[in-house]
Amino acid sequence: MEKNIRQRLELSVVKFAYTKKNGKVRYATGTNNIPLLNELFSLKLKEEDYEAQKRNGTTTYYDLGAMNWRCFRDDSLIEVIND
């Protein structure tokens, strides 16, 4: 399932849920589509910004609620909400 969400995050905005380290469920809306982020929010993100956030065993995304990079453990994904 994590491969699917990674592909979707690269293409568009995705709503999803995952379990945080503290056990709470987090609902998030995010994307990894840098040109889309820059266009919609007048940001100046670069591909290097995304690459610097990547870690093994996690999925990194730009959180549209927090307007910052976040990540979650691949095994903690609960569901993708907008199918």
C-alpha atoms as a PDB file:
ATOM      1  CA  MET A   1       0.000   0.000   0.000  1.00  0.00           C
ATOM      2  CA  GLU A   2       2.884   2.415   0.688  1.00  0.00           C
ATOM      3  CA  LYS A   3       4.047   2.165  -2.927  1.00  0.00           C
ATOM      4  CA  ASN A   4       0.569   3.177  -4.065  1.00  0.00           C
ATOM      5  CA  ILE A   5       0.425   6.217  -1.786  1.00  0.00           C
ATOM      6  CA  ARG A   6       3.905   7.324  -2.820  1.00  0.00           C
ATOM      7  CA  GLN A   7       2.864   7.259  -6.476  1.00  0.00           C
ATOM      8  CA  ARG A   8      -0.324   9.166  -5.695  1.00  0.00           C
ATOM      9  CA  LEU A   9       1.516  11.778  -3.612  1.00  0.00           C
ATOM     10  CA  GLU A  10       3.811  12.467  -6.558  1.00  0.00           C
ATOM     11  CA  LEU A  11       0.833  13.137  -8.828  1.00  0.00           C
ATOM     12  CA  SER A  12      -1.726  14.987  -6.733  1.00  0.00           C
ATOM     13  CA  VAL A  13      -3.127  15.882  -3.326  1.00  0.00           C
ATOM     14  CA  VAL A  14      -3.998  12.842  -1.191  1.00  0.00           C
ATOM     15  CA  LYS A  15      -6.053  12.516   1.994  1.00  0.00           C
ATOM     16  CA  PHE A  16      -4.933   9.642   4.202  1.00  0.00           C
ATOM     17  CA  ALA A  17      -4.641   8.405   7.776  1.00  0.00           C
ATOM     18  CA  TYR A  18      -1.786   6.826   9.691  1.00  0.00           C
ATOM     19  CA  THR A  19      -0.879   5.922  13.247  1.00  0.00           C
ATOM     20  CA  LYS A  20       1.630   8.247  14.910  1.00  0.00           C
ATOM     21  CA  LYS A  21       4.413   6.971  17.170  1.00  0.00           C
ATOM     22  CA  ASN A  22       2.334   7.844  20.221  1.00  0.00           C
ATOM     23  CA  GLY A  23      -0.512   5.619  18.967  1.00  0.00           C
ATOM     24  CA  LYS A  24      -2.857   8.424  17.940  1.00  0.00           C
ATOM     25  CA  VAL A  25      -4.390   8.409  14.462  1.00  0.00           C
ATOM     26  CA  ARG A  26      -3.448  11.367  12.268  1.00  0.00           C
ATOM     27  CA  TYR A  27      -5.549  12.400   9.309  1.00  0.00           C
ATOM     28  CA  ALA A  28      -3.497  14.311   6.772  1.00  0.00           C
ATOM     29  CA  THR A  29      -3.776  15.969   3.401  1.00  0.00           C
ATOM     30  CA  GLY A  30      -0.568  16.231   1.457  1.00  0.00           C
ATOM     31  CA  THR A  31       1.406  15.891  -1.747  1.00  0.00           C
ATOM     32  CA  ASN A  32       4.949  15.570  -3.084  1.00  0.00           C
ATOM     33  CA  ASN A  33       4.147  17.370  -6.315  1.00  0.00           C
ATOM     34  CA  ILE A  34       6.565  20.289  -6.032  1.00  0.00           C
ATOM     35  CA  PRO A  35       5.362  22.193  -9.139  1.00  0.00           C
ATOM     36  CA  LEU A  36       1.774  21.953  -7.872  1.00  0.00           C
ATOM     37  CA  LEU A  37       2.760  23.209  -4.406  1.00  0.00           C
ATOM     38  CA  ASN A  38       4.722  26.089  -5.871  1.00  0.00           C
ATOM     39  CA  GLU A  39       1.856  27.085  -8.170  1.00  0.00           C
ATOM     40  CA  LEU A  40      -1.002  26.796  -5.658  1.00  0.00           C
ATOM     41  CA  PHE A  41       0.730  28.308  -2.635  1.00  0.00           C
ATOM     42  CA  SER A  42       3.378  30.553  -4.240  1.00  0.00           C
ATOM     43  CA  LEU A  43       6.104  28.503  -2.573  1.00  0.00           C
ATOM     44  CA  LYS A  44       9.671  28.226  -3.800  1.00  0.00           C
ATOM     45  CA  LEU A  45      10.298  24.570  -3.009  1.00  0.00           C
ATOM     46  CA  LYS A  46      12.959  22.640  -4.899  1.00  0.00           C
ATOM     47  CA  GLU A  47      13.259  18.929  -5.567  1.00  0.00           C
ATOM     48  CA  GLU A  48      16.261  18.930  -3.224  1.00  0.00           C
ATOM     49  CA  ASP A  49      13.954  20.026  -0.367  1.00  0.00           C
ATOM     50  CA  TYR A  50      11.925  16.842  -0.832  1.00  0.00           C
ATOM     51  CA  GLU A  51      14.980  14.618  -1.276  1.00  0.00           C
ATOM     52  CA  ALA A  52      16.510  15.960   1.951  1.00  0.00           C
ATOM     53  CA  GLN A  53      13.429  14.857   3.913  1.00  0.00           C
ATOM     54  CA  LYS A  54      13.419  11.242   2.716  1.00  0.00           C
ATOM     55  CA  ARG A  55      14.289   8.450   5.149  1.00  0.00           C
ATOM     56  CA  ASN A  56      14.347   4.692   4.712  1.00  0.00           C
ATOM     57  CA  GLY A  57      11.166   2.994   5.845  1.00  0.00           C
ATOM     58  CA  THR A  58       9.118   6.185   5.787  1.00  0.00           C
ATOM     59  CA  THR A  59       6.897   8.073   3.368  1.00  0.00           C
ATOM     60  CA  THR A  60       7.565  11.806   3.209  1.00  0.00           C
ATOM     61  CA  TYR A  61       4.899  14.316   2.184  1.00  0.00           C
ATOM     62  CA  TYR A  62       4.223  18.043   2.298  1.00  0.00           C
ATOM     63  CA  ASP A  63       1.406  18.532   4.805  1.00  0.00           C
ATOM     64  CA  LEU A  64      -1.070  21.094   3.488  1.00  0.00           C
ATOM     65  CA  GLY A  65      -2.474  21.725   6.972  1.00  0.00           C
ATOM     66  CA  ALA A  66       0.891  22.408   8.607  1.00  0.00           C
ATOM     67  CA  MET A  67       2.511  23.775   5.420  1.00  0.00           C
ATOM     68  CA  ASN A  68       5.644  21.789   6.185  1.00  0.00           C
ATOM     69  CA  TRP A  69       7.318  18.475   5.418  1.00  0.00           C
ATOM     70  CA  ARG A  70       6.233  15.470   7.488  1.00  0.00           C
ATOM     71  CA  CYS A  71       6.705  11.727   7.284  1.00  0.00           C
ATOM     72  CA  PHE A  72       5.197   8.526   8.622  1.00  0.00           C
ATOM     73  CA  ARG A  73       6.450   4.972   8.955  1.00  0.00           C
ATOM     74  CA  ASP A  74       5.432   2.871   5.989  1.00  0.00           C
ATOM     75  CA  ASP A  75       3.884   0.222   8.217  1.00  0.00           C
ATOM     76  CA  SER A  76       1.668   2.781  10.003  1.00  0.00           C
ATOM     77  CA  LEU A  77      -0.522   3.749   7.028  1.00  0.00           C
ATOM     78  CA  ILE A  78      -4.153   2.968   7.831  1.00  0.00           C
ATOM     79  CA  GLU A  79      -6.007   4.121   4.728  1.00  0.00           C
ATOM     80  CA  VAL A  80      -6.108   6.406   1.740  1.00  0.00           C
ATOM     81  CA  ILE A  81      -9.328   8.368   2.065  1.00  0.00           C
ATOM     82  CA  ASN A  82      -9.799   9.910  -1.382  1.00  0.00           C
ATOM     83  CA  ASP A  83      -9.824   6.925  -3.732  1.00  0.00           C
END
